[in-house]
N, C-alpha and C. Protein backbone atom coordinates (compact mmCIF):
# COMPACT_ATOMS: atom_id res chain seq x y z
N UNK A 1 2.22 -15.37 -15.89
CA UNK A 1 1.64 -14.32 -15.46
C UNK A 1 1.40 -14.05 -17.08
N UNK A 2 0.01 -13.53 -16.75
CA UNK A 2 -0.08 -12.47 -18.05
C UNK A 2 0.37 -11.67 -18.94
N UNK A 3 0.54 -11.09 -20.16
CA UNK A 3 1.82 -10.25 -20.64
C UNK A 3 1.92 -9.18 -19.57
N UNK A 4 2.71 -8.87 -19.71
CA UNK A 4 3.32 -7.22 -18.59
C UNK A 4 3.27 -6.11 -19.25
N UNK A 5 2.65 -6.39 -20.83
CA UNK A 5 2.62 -5.33 -21.35
C UNK A 5 1.26 -4.62 -21.02
N UNK A 6 0.29 -5.92 -21.46
CA UNK A 6 -0.96 -5.63 -20.83
C UNK A 6 -1.52 -4.92 -19.75
N UNK A 7 -0.55 -5.69 -18.68
CA UNK A 7 -0.79 -5.23 -17.24
C UNK A 7 -0.59 -3.66 -17.15
N UNK A 8 0.47 -3.12 -18.03
CA UNK A 8 0.98 -2.09 -18.01
C UNK A 8 0.10 -0.90 -18.23
N UNK A 9 -0.63 -1.83 -19.37
CA UNK A 9 -1.14 -0.59 -20.25
C UNK A 9 -2.55 -0.45 -19.73
N UNK A 10 -3.18 -1.89 -18.72
CA UNK A 10 -4.22 -1.64 -18.02
C UNK A 10 -3.96 -0.32 -16.69
N UNK A 11 -2.63 -0.34 -15.93
CA UNK A 11 -2.35 0.05 -14.89
C UNK A 11 -2.57 1.47 -15.28
N UNK A 12 -2.16 1.65 -16.69
CA UNK A 12 -1.72 3.39 -17.05
C UNK A 12 -2.76 3.93 -17.52
N UNK A 13 -3.63 3.10 -18.18
CA UNK A 13 -4.74 3.93 -18.05
C UNK A 13 -5.64 4.29 -17.33
N UNK A 14 -6.32 3.23 -16.17
CA UNK A 14 -7.07 3.29 -15.03
C UNK A 14 -6.58 4.23 -14.24
N UNK A 15 -4.79 4.09 -13.57
CA UNK A 15 -4.94 5.27 -13.47
C UNK A 15 -4.77 6.68 -13.40
N UNK A 16 -4.46 7.26 -15.22
CA UNK A 16 -5.24 8.64 -15.43
C UNK A 16 -6.30 8.74 -15.50
N UNK A 17 -7.49 8.26 -16.19
CA UNK A 17 -8.37 8.27 -15.90
C UNK A 17 -9.41 8.81 -14.41
N UNK A 18 -8.14 7.63 -13.18
CA UNK A 18 -8.87 7.96 -12.07
C UNK A 18 -8.20 9.18 -11.36
N UNK A 19 -7.39 9.94 -11.77
CA UNK A 19 -6.37 10.84 -11.47
C UNK A 19 -7.37 12.00 -11.72
N UNK A 20 -7.86 12.06 -13.26
CA UNK A 20 -9.08 12.61 -13.52
C UNK A 20 -10.13 12.78 -12.73
N UNK A 21 -10.92 11.78 -12.78
CA UNK A 21 -12.23 11.47 -12.18
C UNK A 21 -12.27 12.04 -10.51
N UNK A 22 -10.85 11.90 -9.83
CA UNK A 22 -10.61 12.46 -8.40
C UNK A 22 -10.09 13.18 -8.13
N UNK A 23 -9.90 14.39 -9.37
CA UNK A 23 -9.23 15.46 -8.96
C UNK A 23 -9.72 16.29 -7.95
N UNK A 24 -11.37 16.47 -8.26
CA UNK A 24 -11.88 17.45 -7.20
C UNK A 24 -11.71 16.87 -5.58
N UNK A 25 -12.09 15.32 -5.84
CA UNK A 25 -11.70 14.86 -4.52
C UNK A 25 -10.27 14.68 -3.69
N UNK A 26 -9.67 15.03 -4.67
CA UNK A 26 -8.11 14.74 -4.18
C UNK A 26 -7.64 16.22 -3.66
N UNK A 27 -8.33 17.21 -4.42
CA UNK A 27 -8.18 18.84 -3.59
C UNK A 27 -8.79 19.23 -2.45
N UNK A 28 -10.38 18.43 -2.19
CA UNK A 28 -11.03 18.72 -0.94
C UNK A 28 -10.26 18.38 -0.32
N UNK A 29 -9.25 16.88 0.18
CA UNK A 29 -9.04 16.03 1.28
C UNK A 29 -7.34 16.94 1.50
N UNK A 30 -6.88 17.30 0.28
CA UNK A 30 -5.73 17.97 0.82
C UNK A 30 -5.79 19.19 1.64
N UNK A 31 -7.26 19.92 1.25
CA UNK A 31 -7.37 21.63 1.92
C UNK A 31 -8.06 20.73 3.28
N UNK A 32 -8.71 19.57 3.57
CA UNK A 32 -8.96 19.55 5.08
C UNK A 32 -7.97 19.40 5.83
N UNK A 33 -6.74 18.30 5.16
CA UNK A 33 -5.69 17.71 5.77
C UNK A 33 -4.43 19.33 6.57
N UNK A 34 -4.82 20.53 5.75
CA UNK A 34 -4.05 21.34 5.82
C UNK A 34 -4.67 22.12 6.46
N UNK A 35 -6.26 22.23 6.94
CA UNK A 35 -6.98 23.37 7.34
C UNK A 35 -6.61 22.78 9.10
N UNK A 36 -6.38 21.28 9.01
CA UNK A 36 -6.40 20.63 10.33
C UNK A 36 -5.30 20.83 11.27
N UNK A 37 -4.38 20.52 10.00
CA UNK A 37 -2.83 20.13 10.85
C UNK A 37 -1.58 21.63 10.22
N UNK A 38 -0.56 22.52 10.60
CA UNK A 38 0.52 22.67 9.70
C UNK A 38 1.05 21.77 8.99
N UNK A 39 1.10 20.95 9.54
CA UNK A 39 2.38 19.56 8.72
C UNK A 39 1.83 19.71 7.29
N UNK A 40 2.82 18.84 6.34
CA UNK A 40 2.54 18.79 4.79
C UNK A 40 0.89 17.79 4.76
N UNK A 41 0.66 17.72 3.77
CA UNK A 41 -0.53 17.25 3.03
C UNK A 41 -0.30 16.05 3.02
N UNK A 42 0.98 15.59 2.23
CA UNK A 42 1.32 14.12 1.85
C UNK A 42 2.57 13.41 2.38
N UNK A 43 2.21 12.39 2.72
CA UNK A 43 3.16 11.42 3.20
C UNK A 43 4.65 10.84 2.02
N UNK A 44 5.37 11.38 2.11
CA UNK A 44 6.44 10.45 1.10
C UNK A 44 7.59 9.73 1.33
N UNK A 45 7.98 8.72 1.11
CA UNK A 45 8.32 7.87 1.73
C UNK A 45 9.37 7.17 0.39
N UNK A 46 10.91 6.65 1.12
CA UNK A 46 11.50 5.86 0.28
C UNK A 46 10.96 4.37 0.49
N UNK A 47 10.57 3.60 -0.81
CA UNK A 47 9.96 2.09 -0.31
C UNK A 47 10.76 1.15 -1.52
N UNK A 48 10.54 -0.19 -1.82
CA UNK A 48 11.58 -1.00 -3.01
C UNK A 48 10.69 -1.38 -3.77
N UNK A 49 10.98 -0.99 -4.79
CA UNK A 49 10.06 -1.21 -6.10
C UNK A 49 10.43 -2.18 -6.51
N UNK A 50 10.18 -2.96 -7.73
CA UNK A 50 10.17 -3.69 -9.00
C UNK A 50 11.53 -4.38 -9.06
N UNK A 51 12.70 -4.94 -9.02
CA UNK A 51 13.83 -5.43 -9.12
C UNK A 51 14.82 -4.57 -7.88
N UNK A 52 14.15 -4.52 -6.77
CA UNK A 52 14.83 -3.66 -5.76
C UNK A 52 15.38 -2.24 -5.63
N UNK A 53 14.56 -1.60 -6.83
CA UNK A 53 15.04 -0.46 -6.86
C UNK A 53 13.94 0.53 -5.88
N UNK A 54 14.76 1.36 -5.55
CA UNK A 54 13.86 2.66 -4.19
C UNK A 54 13.12 3.54 -5.21
N UNK A 55 12.10 3.98 -5.10
CA UNK A 55 11.21 4.96 -5.21
C UNK A 55 10.29 5.53 -3.83
N UNK A 56 9.65 6.40 -4.32
CA UNK A 56 9.13 7.36 -3.27
C UNK A 56 7.79 7.27 -3.51
N UNK A 57 6.88 6.79 -2.43
CA UNK A 57 5.62 6.39 -2.47
C UNK A 57 5.10 7.64 -2.11
N UNK A 58 3.85 8.27 -2.36
CA UNK A 58 3.14 9.46 -2.28
C UNK A 58 2.08 8.83 -1.35
N UNK A 59 1.35 9.34 -0.50
CA UNK A 59 0.29 8.75 0.28
C UNK A 59 -0.42 10.06 0.75
N UNK A 60 -1.57 10.49 1.70
CA UNK A 60 -1.97 11.27 2.08
C UNK A 60 -1.14 11.18 3.59
N UNK A 61 -1.06 12.69 4.14
CA UNK A 61 -0.18 12.33 5.86
C UNK A 61 -1.48 11.70 6.16
N UNK A 62 -1.13 10.60 7.57
CA UNK A 62 -2.56 10.54 8.15
C UNK A 62 -1.51 10.35 9.32
N UNK A 63 -1.12 10.34 9.54
CA UNK A 63 0.02 10.50 10.75
C UNK A 63 0.45 12.26 11.47
N UNK A 64 0.75 12.46 12.72
CA UNK A 64 1.95 13.53 13.27
C UNK A 64 3.38 12.90 12.79
N UNK A 65 3.47 13.85 12.08
CA UNK A 65 5.32 13.90 11.86
C UNK A 65 6.00 14.06 13.33
N UNK A 66 6.71 12.77 13.11
CA UNK A 66 7.51 12.80 14.98
C UNK A 66 8.99 13.36 14.26
N UNK A 67 9.70 14.16 15.62
CA UNK A 67 10.61 14.62 15.21
C UNK A 67 12.03 13.45 15.37
N UNK A 68 11.88 12.26 15.90
CA UNK A 68 12.48 11.15 16.17
C UNK A 68 12.39 10.11 15.14
N UNK A 69 12.98 9.16 15.18
CA UNK A 69 13.13 7.77 14.25
C UNK A 69 11.38 7.31 14.97
N UNK A 70 10.82 6.51 14.47
CA UNK A 70 9.69 5.83 15.12
C UNK A 70 9.24 4.52 14.26
N UNK A 71 9.02 3.36 14.56
CA UNK A 71 8.82 2.16 14.02
C UNK A 71 7.45 2.29 12.69
N UNK A 72 8.26 1.78 11.67
CA UNK A 72 7.33 1.85 10.21
C UNK A 72 5.64 1.02 10.78
N UNK A 73 6.09 0.12 11.78
CA UNK A 73 4.25 -0.55 12.09
C UNK A 73 3.32 0.31 12.82
N UNK A 74 2.35 0.14 12.06
CA UNK A 74 1.29 1.25 12.80
C UNK A 74 -0.04 0.19 13.27
N UNK A 75 -0.19 0.72 14.63
CA UNK A 75 -1.16 -0.74 15.24
C UNK A 75 -2.20 -0.19 15.50
N UNK A 76 -3.75 -0.67 15.46
CA UNK A 76 -5.00 -0.11 16.00
C UNK A 76 -4.62 0.79 17.32
N UNK A 77 -5.17 2.23 17.32
CA UNK A 77 -5.40 2.71 17.77
C UNK A 77 -3.64 3.65 18.56
N UNK A 78 -3.03 3.75 17.54
CA UNK A 78 -2.24 4.56 17.22
C UNK A 78 -2.32 5.96 17.18
N UNK A 79 -1.62 6.19 18.72
CA UNK A 79 -1.52 7.62 18.88
C UNK A 79 -0.96 8.75 17.96
N UNK A 80 -0.13 8.77 16.88
CA UNK A 80 0.96 9.16 16.20
C UNK A 80 -0.39 9.50 14.52
N UNK A 81 -1.92 8.57 15.12
CA UNK A 81 -2.58 9.20 13.83
C UNK A 81 -3.60 10.41 13.86
N UNK A 82 -3.64 11.09 13.32
CA UNK A 82 -4.37 11.94 13.41
C UNK A 82 -6.39 11.73 13.50
N UNK A 83 -7.18 12.59 13.70
CA UNK A 83 -8.44 12.61 13.59
C UNK A 83 -8.66 12.13 11.79
N UNK A 84 -8.66 13.15 11.21
CA UNK A 84 -8.66 13.28 10.04
C UNK A 84 -8.00 11.79 9.22
N UNK A 85 -6.74 11.73 9.91
CA UNK A 85 -6.20 10.38 9.10
C UNK A 85 -6.84 9.03 9.69
N UNK A 86 -7.56 8.70 10.53
CA UNK A 86 -8.16 7.82 11.09
C UNK A 86 -9.42 7.38 9.76
N UNK A 87 -10.21 8.64 9.69
CA UNK A 87 -10.89 8.53 8.94
C UNK A 87 -10.54 8.09 7.44
N UNK A 88 -9.29 8.61 6.84
CA UNK A 88 -8.95 8.24 5.66
C UNK A 88 -8.11 7.24 5.41
N UNK A 89 -7.85 6.47 6.54
CA UNK A 89 -7.17 4.99 6.75
C UNK A 89 -7.92 4.07 6.62
N UNK A 90 -9.41 4.62 7.09
CA UNK A 90 -10.64 3.53 7.29
C UNK A 90 -11.02 3.69 5.49
N UNK A 91 -10.83 4.68 4.95
CA UNK A 91 -12.02 4.49 3.69
C UNK A 91 -11.21 4.27 2.67
N UNK A 92 -9.85 3.96 3.07
CA UNK A 92 -8.68 3.93 2.44
C UNK A 92 -8.52 5.07 1.10
N UNK A 93 -8.77 6.46 1.77
CA UNK A 93 -8.61 7.43 0.97
C UNK A 93 -6.86 7.66 1.02
N UNK A 94 -6.53 7.27 1.80
CA UNK A 94 -4.57 7.86 1.91
C UNK A 94 -4.11 7.20 0.73
N UNK A 95 -4.76 6.06 0.08
CA UNK A 95 -3.68 5.75 -1.11
C UNK A 95 -4.01 6.23 -2.17
N UNK A 96 -5.63 7.19 -2.45
CA UNK A 96 -5.50 7.64 -3.64
C UNK A 96 -4.28 8.59 -4.52
N UNK A 97 -3.42 9.05 -3.52
CA UNK A 97 -2.03 9.46 -4.57
C UNK A 97 -1.47 8.49 -4.72
N UNK A 98 -1.21 7.15 -4.64
CA UNK A 98 -0.59 6.35 -5.16
C UNK A 98 -1.08 6.40 -6.69
N UNK A 99 -2.30 6.41 -6.94
CA UNK A 99 -2.36 6.71 -8.77
C UNK A 99 -1.17 6.84 -9.48
N UNK A 100 -0.45 8.35 -8.64
CA UNK A 100 0.65 8.57 -9.27
C UNK A 100 1.89 7.94 -9.35
N UNK A 101 1.77 6.90 -8.70
CA UNK A 101 2.98 6.28 -8.61
C UNK A 101 2.63 5.20 -10.05
N UNK A 102 1.50 4.85 -10.17
CA UNK A 102 0.89 3.78 -10.89
C UNK A 102 1.17 4.27 -12.43
N UNK A 103 0.92 5.68 -12.09
CA UNK A 103 1.04 6.24 -13.43
C UNK A 103 2.25 6.14 -14.09
N UNK A 104 3.27 6.46 -13.32
CA UNK A 104 4.64 6.70 -13.70
C UNK A 104 4.76 4.79 -13.73
N UNK A 105 4.52 3.99 -13.08
CA UNK A 105 5.61 2.62 -13.55
C UNK A 105 5.67 2.04 -12.36
N UNK A 106 5.75 2.95 -11.45
CA UNK A 106 6.88 2.57 -10.10
C UNK A 106 5.63 1.48 -9.46
N UNK A 107 4.18 1.71 -9.42
CA UNK A 107 3.30 0.52 -9.02
C UNK A 107 2.54 0.14 -9.59
N UNK A 108 1.91 -0.73 -9.73
CA UNK A 108 0.46 -1.46 -10.18
C UNK A 108 -0.85 -1.35 -9.20
N UNK A 109 -1.81 -1.75 -9.95
CA UNK A 109 -2.85 -1.88 -9.23
C UNK A 109 -2.64 -3.04 -8.23
N UNK A 110 -2.32 -3.97 -8.54
CA UNK A 110 -2.35 -5.15 -7.96
C UNK A 110 -1.26 -5.64 -8.17
N UNK A 111 -0.32 -6.10 -6.66
CA UNK A 111 0.52 -6.55 -6.57
C UNK A 111 1.29 -7.08 -5.10
N UNK A 112 2.42 -7.03 -4.37
CA UNK A 112 2.99 -6.84 -3.16
C UNK A 112 2.55 -5.44 -2.35
N UNK A 113 2.20 -5.04 -1.51
CA UNK A 113 2.55 -3.57 -0.66
C UNK A 113 3.90 -3.75 -0.66
N UNK A 114 4.92 -2.04 -1.11
CA UNK A 114 5.94 -2.29 -1.25
C UNK A 114 6.28 -1.53 0.23
N UNK A 115 7.45 -2.68 0.61
CA UNK A 115 8.35 -2.82 1.91
C UNK A 115 9.17 -1.57 2.06
N UNK A 116 9.23 -0.73 3.23
CA UNK A 116 10.19 0.00 3.14
C UNK A 116 12.09 -0.50 3.38
N UNK A 117 13.06 -0.05 2.63
CA UNK A 117 14.09 -0.49 2.78
C UNK A 117 14.68 -1.31 3.91
N UNK A 118 15.18 -2.18 3.26
CA UNK A 118 15.45 -3.21 4.58
C UNK A 118 14.90 -4.72 4.74
N UNK A 119 13.49 -4.15 4.14
CA UNK A 119 13.00 -5.94 4.18
C UNK A 119 13.28 -6.38 2.82
N UNK A 120 13.40 -6.07 2.16
CA UNK A 120 14.13 -6.77 0.81
C UNK A 120 15.40 -7.50 0.72
N UNK A 121 16.35 -7.06 1.79
CA UNK A 121 17.57 -7.64 2.38
C UNK A 121 17.23 -8.62 2.88
N UNK A 122 15.67 -9.14 3.28
CA UNK A 122 15.55 -10.38 4.28
C UNK A 122 15.65 -11.42 3.48
N UNK A 123 15.13 -11.19 2.13
CA UNK A 123 14.51 -12.10 1.22
C UNK A 123 15.26 -12.58 0.48
N UNK A 124 15.87 -14.37 0.79
CA UNK A 124 16.83 -15.38 0.34
C UNK A 124 16.08 -15.96 -1.02
N UNK A 125 17.06 -16.42 -1.51
CA UNK A 125 16.79 -17.83 -2.59
C UNK A 125 15.52 -17.23 -3.61
N UNK A 126 14.16 -18.10 -3.35
CA UNK A 126 13.65 -18.16 -3.91
C UNK A 126 12.71 -16.74 -3.70
N UNK A 127 12.48 -16.40 -2.39
CA UNK A 127 11.76 -15.11 -2.27
C UNK A 127 11.70 -14.30 -3.00
N UNK A 128 13.05 -14.35 -3.29
CA UNK A 128 13.76 -12.83 -4.12
C UNK A 128 13.02 -12.84 -5.78
N UNK A 129 12.36 -13.80 -5.82
CA UNK A 129 11.59 -13.70 -7.09
C UNK A 129 10.47 -12.59 -7.08
N UNK A 130 10.03 -12.36 -5.68
CA UNK A 130 8.91 -11.40 -5.46
C UNK A 130 9.13 -10.07 -6.03
N UNK A 131 10.57 -10.16 -5.52
CA UNK A 131 10.98 -8.53 -6.64
C UNK A 131 10.65 -8.22 -8.15
N UNK A 132 10.29 -9.38 -8.51
CA UNK A 132 9.83 -9.16 -10.14
C UNK A 132 8.85 -8.39 -10.60
N UNK A 133 7.58 -8.60 -9.19
CA UNK A 133 6.69 -7.68 -9.72
C UNK A 133 6.78 -6.11 -9.33
N UNK A 134 6.06 -5.25 -9.70
CA UNK A 134 5.81 -3.91 -9.35
C UNK A 134 5.21 -4.36 -8.08
N UNK A 135 5.13 -3.42 -6.96
CA UNK A 135 4.29 -3.12 -5.89
C UNK A 135 2.71 -2.63 -6.27
N UNK A 136 2.03 -3.13 -5.16
CA UNK A 136 0.67 -2.86 -5.67
C UNK A 136 0.40 -2.09 -4.81
N UNK A 137 -0.80 -1.66 -5.12
CA UNK A 137 -1.79 -1.00 -4.17
C UNK A 137 -3.09 -1.85 -3.30
N UNK A 138 -2.99 -2.60 -3.66
CA UNK A 138 -3.97 -3.42 -3.54
C UNK A 138 -3.18 -5.49 -3.95
N UNK A 139 -3.83 -6.67 -3.77
CA UNK A 139 -3.35 -7.56 -3.86
C UNK A 139 -4.07 -8.87 -2.98
N UNK A 140 -3.53 -10.23 -3.02
CA UNK A 140 -4.00 -10.96 -2.32
C UNK A 140 -3.43 -10.99 -1.08
N UNK A 141 -1.95 -10.37 -0.83
CA UNK A 141 -1.76 -10.10 1.35
C UNK A 141 -2.76 -9.22 1.75
N UNK A 142 -2.39 -8.28 0.55
CA UNK A 142 -3.30 -6.59 1.15
C UNK A 142 -4.65 -7.58 1.57
N UNK A 143 -5.43 -7.82 1.33
CA UNK A 143 -6.62 -8.63 1.41
C UNK A 143 -6.86 -9.33 2.55
N UNK A 144 -5.45 -10.79 3.02
CA UNK A 144 -5.55 -10.80 3.93
C UNK A 144 -5.55 -10.55 4.92
N UNK A 145 -4.21 -9.61 4.93
CA UNK A 145 -3.80 -8.83 6.54
C UNK A 145 -4.71 -7.08 6.79
N UNK A 146 -6.21 -6.99 5.87
CA UNK A 146 -6.68 -5.85 5.79
C UNK A 146 -7.12 -5.54 7.25
N UNK A 147 -6.84 -6.04 8.45
CA UNK A 147 -7.31 -6.00 10.07
C UNK A 147 -5.88 -6.19 10.20
N UNK A 148 -4.61 -5.76 9.88
CA UNK A 148 -3.20 -5.61 9.88
C UNK A 148 -3.03 -5.07 11.52
N UNK A 149 -3.46 -3.73 11.29
CA UNK A 149 -3.19 -2.99 12.79
C UNK A 149 -3.86 -3.45 13.74
N UNK A 150 -5.28 -4.38 13.47
CA UNK A 150 -5.82 -4.90 14.43
C UNK A 150 -4.93 -5.68 15.24
N UNK A 151 -4.58 -6.79 14.25
CA UNK A 151 -3.96 -8.11 14.51
C UNK A 151 -2.68 -7.44 15.18
N UNK A 152 -1.86 -7.05 15.44
CA UNK A 152 -0.77 -6.57 15.71
C UNK A 152 -1.07 -5.70 17.19
N UNK A 153 -1.96 -4.86 16.89
CA UNK A 153 -2.69 -4.61 18.56
C UNK A 153 -2.48 -5.42 19.62
N UNK A 154 -3.33 -6.58 18.94
CA UNK A 154 -3.04 -7.76 20.10
C UNK A 154 -2.09 -8.44 20.67
N UNK A 155 -0.96 -8.66 20.02
CA UNK A 155 0.22 -9.06 20.32
C UNK A 155 1.67 -8.24 21.08
N UNK A 156 2.19 -9.02 21.66
CA UNK A 156 2.95 -8.54 22.90
C UNK A 156 4.14 -7.65 22.14
N UNK A 157 5.03 -8.18 21.02
CA UNK A 157 5.75 -7.55 20.42
C UNK A 157 5.43 -6.98 18.85
N UNK A 158 4.79 -6.27 18.55
CA UNK A 158 4.17 -5.91 17.18
C UNK A 158 5.06 -6.06 16.25
N UNK A 159 6.28 -5.46 16.28
CA UNK A 159 7.49 -5.74 15.42
C UNK A 159 8.49 -6.99 15.28
N UNK A 160 8.45 -7.72 16.12
CA UNK A 160 8.93 -9.16 16.34
C UNK A 160 8.25 -9.69 15.06
N UNK A 161 6.06 -10.02 15.58
CA UNK A 161 5.19 -10.51 15.02
C UNK A 161 5.40 -10.45 13.36
N UNK A 162 5.45 -9.03 13.13
CA UNK A 162 5.27 -8.39 11.90
C UNK A 162 6.38 -9.37 11.16
N UNK A 163 7.78 -9.22 11.95
CA UNK A 163 8.78 -9.50 11.25
C UNK A 163 9.01 -11.24 10.83
N UNK A 164 8.71 -11.97 12.10
CA UNK A 164 8.89 -13.68 11.97
C UNK A 164 7.46 -14.20 11.79
N UNK A 165 6.35 -13.18 11.72
CA UNK A 165 5.11 -13.99 11.22
C UNK A 165 4.10 -13.74 10.26
N UNK A 166 4.11 -12.00 10.24
CA UNK A 166 3.21 -11.62 8.99
C UNK A 166 4.02 -11.25 7.53
N UNK A 167 5.23 -10.98 8.20
CA UNK A 167 5.93 -10.37 6.50
C UNK A 167 6.53 -12.20 5.61
N UNK A 168 6.98 -12.68 6.47
CA UNK A 168 6.86 -14.50 5.68
C UNK A 168 5.87 -14.88 4.79
N UNK A 169 4.73 -14.62 6.01
CA UNK A 169 3.03 -15.31 5.37
C UNK A 169 2.84 -13.97 4.00
N UNK A 170 3.62 -13.33 4.15
CA UNK A 170 3.05 -12.44 2.97
C UNK A 170 3.76 -12.27 1.58
N UNK A 171 4.94 -13.12 2.04
CA UNK A 171 6.33 -13.37 0.86
C UNK A 171 5.57 -14.37 0.13
N UNK A 172 5.08 -15.23 0.93
CA UNK A 172 4.67 -16.46 0.23
C UNK A 172 2.82 -16.77 -0.53
N UNK A 173 2.50 -15.68 0.28
CA UNK A 173 1.26 -15.50 -0.55
C UNK A 173 1.06 -14.50 -2.30
N UNK A 174 1.85 -13.62 -1.94
CA UNK A 174 2.78 -12.95 -3.13
C UNK A 174 3.20 -13.65 -4.19
N UNK A 175 4.83 -15.13 -4.08
CA UNK A 175 4.72 -15.77 -4.91
C UNK A 175 3.99 -16.54 -5.33
N UNK A 176 2.79 -16.82 -4.74
CA UNK A 176 1.86 -18.04 -5.42
C UNK A 176 0.93 -16.43 -6.23
N UNK A 177 1.01 -15.62 -5.90
CA UNK A 177 0.51 -14.17 -6.84
C UNK A 177 1.26 -14.44 -7.98
N UNK A 178 2.49 -14.14 -7.92
CA UNK A 178 3.61 -14.15 -8.94
C UNK A 178 3.59 -15.28 -10.27
N UNK A 179 2.84 -16.42 -9.16
CA UNK A 179 3.19 -17.94 -10.26
C UNK A 179 1.90 -17.76 -10.97
N UNK A 180 0.80 -17.51 -10.72
CA UNK A 180 -0.63 -17.94 -10.93
C UNK A 180 -1.41 -15.85 -11.66
N UNK A 181 -0.84 -15.13 -11.73
CA UNK A 181 -0.95 -14.10 -12.27
C UNK A 181 -1.65 -13.87 -13.31
N UNK A 182 -2.76 -13.29 -13.51
CA UNK A 182 -3.83 -13.09 -14.47
C UNK A 182 -5.02 -11.44 -14.35
N UNK A 183 -5.62 -11.86 -15.83
CA UNK A 183 -6.00 -10.53 -15.73
C UNK A 183 -7.22 -10.68 -14.72
N UNK A 184 -8.05 -11.13 -15.08
CA UNK A 184 -9.21 -11.97 -14.04
C UNK A 184 -8.24 -12.20 -12.48
N UNK A 185 -7.18 -12.63 -12.71
CA UNK A 185 -7.20 -12.63 -10.67
C UNK A 185 -7.36 -11.19 -9.97
N UNK A 186 -6.72 -10.49 -11.29
CA UNK A 186 -6.45 -8.89 -10.91
C UNK A 186 -7.45 -8.44 -10.92
N UNK A 187 -8.76 -8.71 -11.49
CA UNK A 187 -10.27 -7.56 -11.68
C UNK A 187 -10.59 -8.79 -10.15
N UNK A 188 -10.93 -9.55 -9.97
CA UNK A 188 -10.74 -10.26 -8.58
C UNK A 188 -10.21 -9.71 -7.54
N UNK A 189 -9.02 -9.36 -7.57
CA UNK A 189 -8.27 -8.49 -6.21
C UNK A 189 -8.67 -7.24 -6.01
N UNK A 190 -9.50 -6.48 -6.87
CA UNK A 190 -9.54 -5.14 -7.10
C UNK A 190 -11.25 -5.26 -6.27
N UNK A 191 -11.89 -5.85 -7.05
CA UNK A 191 -13.50 -5.94 -7.02
C UNK A 191 -13.64 -6.24 -5.17
N UNK A 192 -12.68 -7.31 -5.10
CA UNK A 192 -12.80 -7.55 -3.27
C UNK A 192 -12.15 -6.41 -2.90
N UNK A 193 -11.41 -5.64 -3.16
CA UNK A 193 -10.50 -4.46 -2.24
C UNK A 193 -12.30 -3.54 -2.39
N UNK A 194 -12.54 -3.09 -2.97
CA UNK A 194 -13.75 -2.47 -2.97
C UNK A 194 -14.69 -2.84 -2.06
N UNK A 195 -14.79 -4.11 -2.19
CA UNK A 195 -15.94 -4.87 -0.91
C UNK A 195 -15.83 -4.76 -0.51
N UNK A 196 -14.48 -4.96 0.56
CA UNK A 196 -13.56 -4.82 1.62
C UNK A 196 -14.30 -3.30 2.26
N UNK A 197 -14.36 -2.35 1.19
CA UNK A 197 -13.79 -1.08 1.99
C UNK A 197 -15.30 -0.48 2.28
N UNK A 198 -16.41 -1.27 1.23
CA UNK A 198 -17.62 -0.62 1.67
C UNK A 198 -18.19 -1.12 2.40
N UNK A 199 -17.58 -2.57 3.08
CA UNK A 199 -18.40 -3.04 4.45
C UNK A 199 -17.79 -2.57 5.91
N UNK A 200 -16.88 -1.23 5.61
CA UNK A 200 -16.38 -0.29 6.61
C UNK A 200 -17.65 0.73 7.14
N UNK A 201 -18.67 0.90 5.71
CA UNK A 201 -19.29 1.77 6.02
C UNK A 201 -20.36 1.67 7.33
């Protein structure tokens, strides 16, 4: 893996610049969310970070707030997603506030997506090496499962399919990323993510 300090330097600089450039769009999106719903603008949730430490991830809220506990799994056509939320999720705009997590060092631009508490407990033996990585906004497993919501919508038991098929495969992919991490690869995953978003046009 290329030197962790260079990776952190890249994350910090571009997260800082990104927040400055996107300050106005962030404000506009926040105002639209607030104008279309009385609920909070941001969705803040505990996630598992590097070394198994818990941190608070921040995203634009795209779903209605449920009074009782519901699944953390989202499928295509989920009625919890708001109209503006569907737009934000399609263009990945709901992820923008995570630049703050990157700036703070809780996340990286590239790495495994941060899981909710509980999933890290399922990691055994060599799989626990995934926790050496900072969670990322994008990465190889994120790109492979870019249509995860559509995949889950087609199976009989989405939660079970995620736990028994998708989660283990993501762990395998992320271990491969850990063993072959490089600046060149990170730039490739970022570029592929941009292209994927533009394809949604």
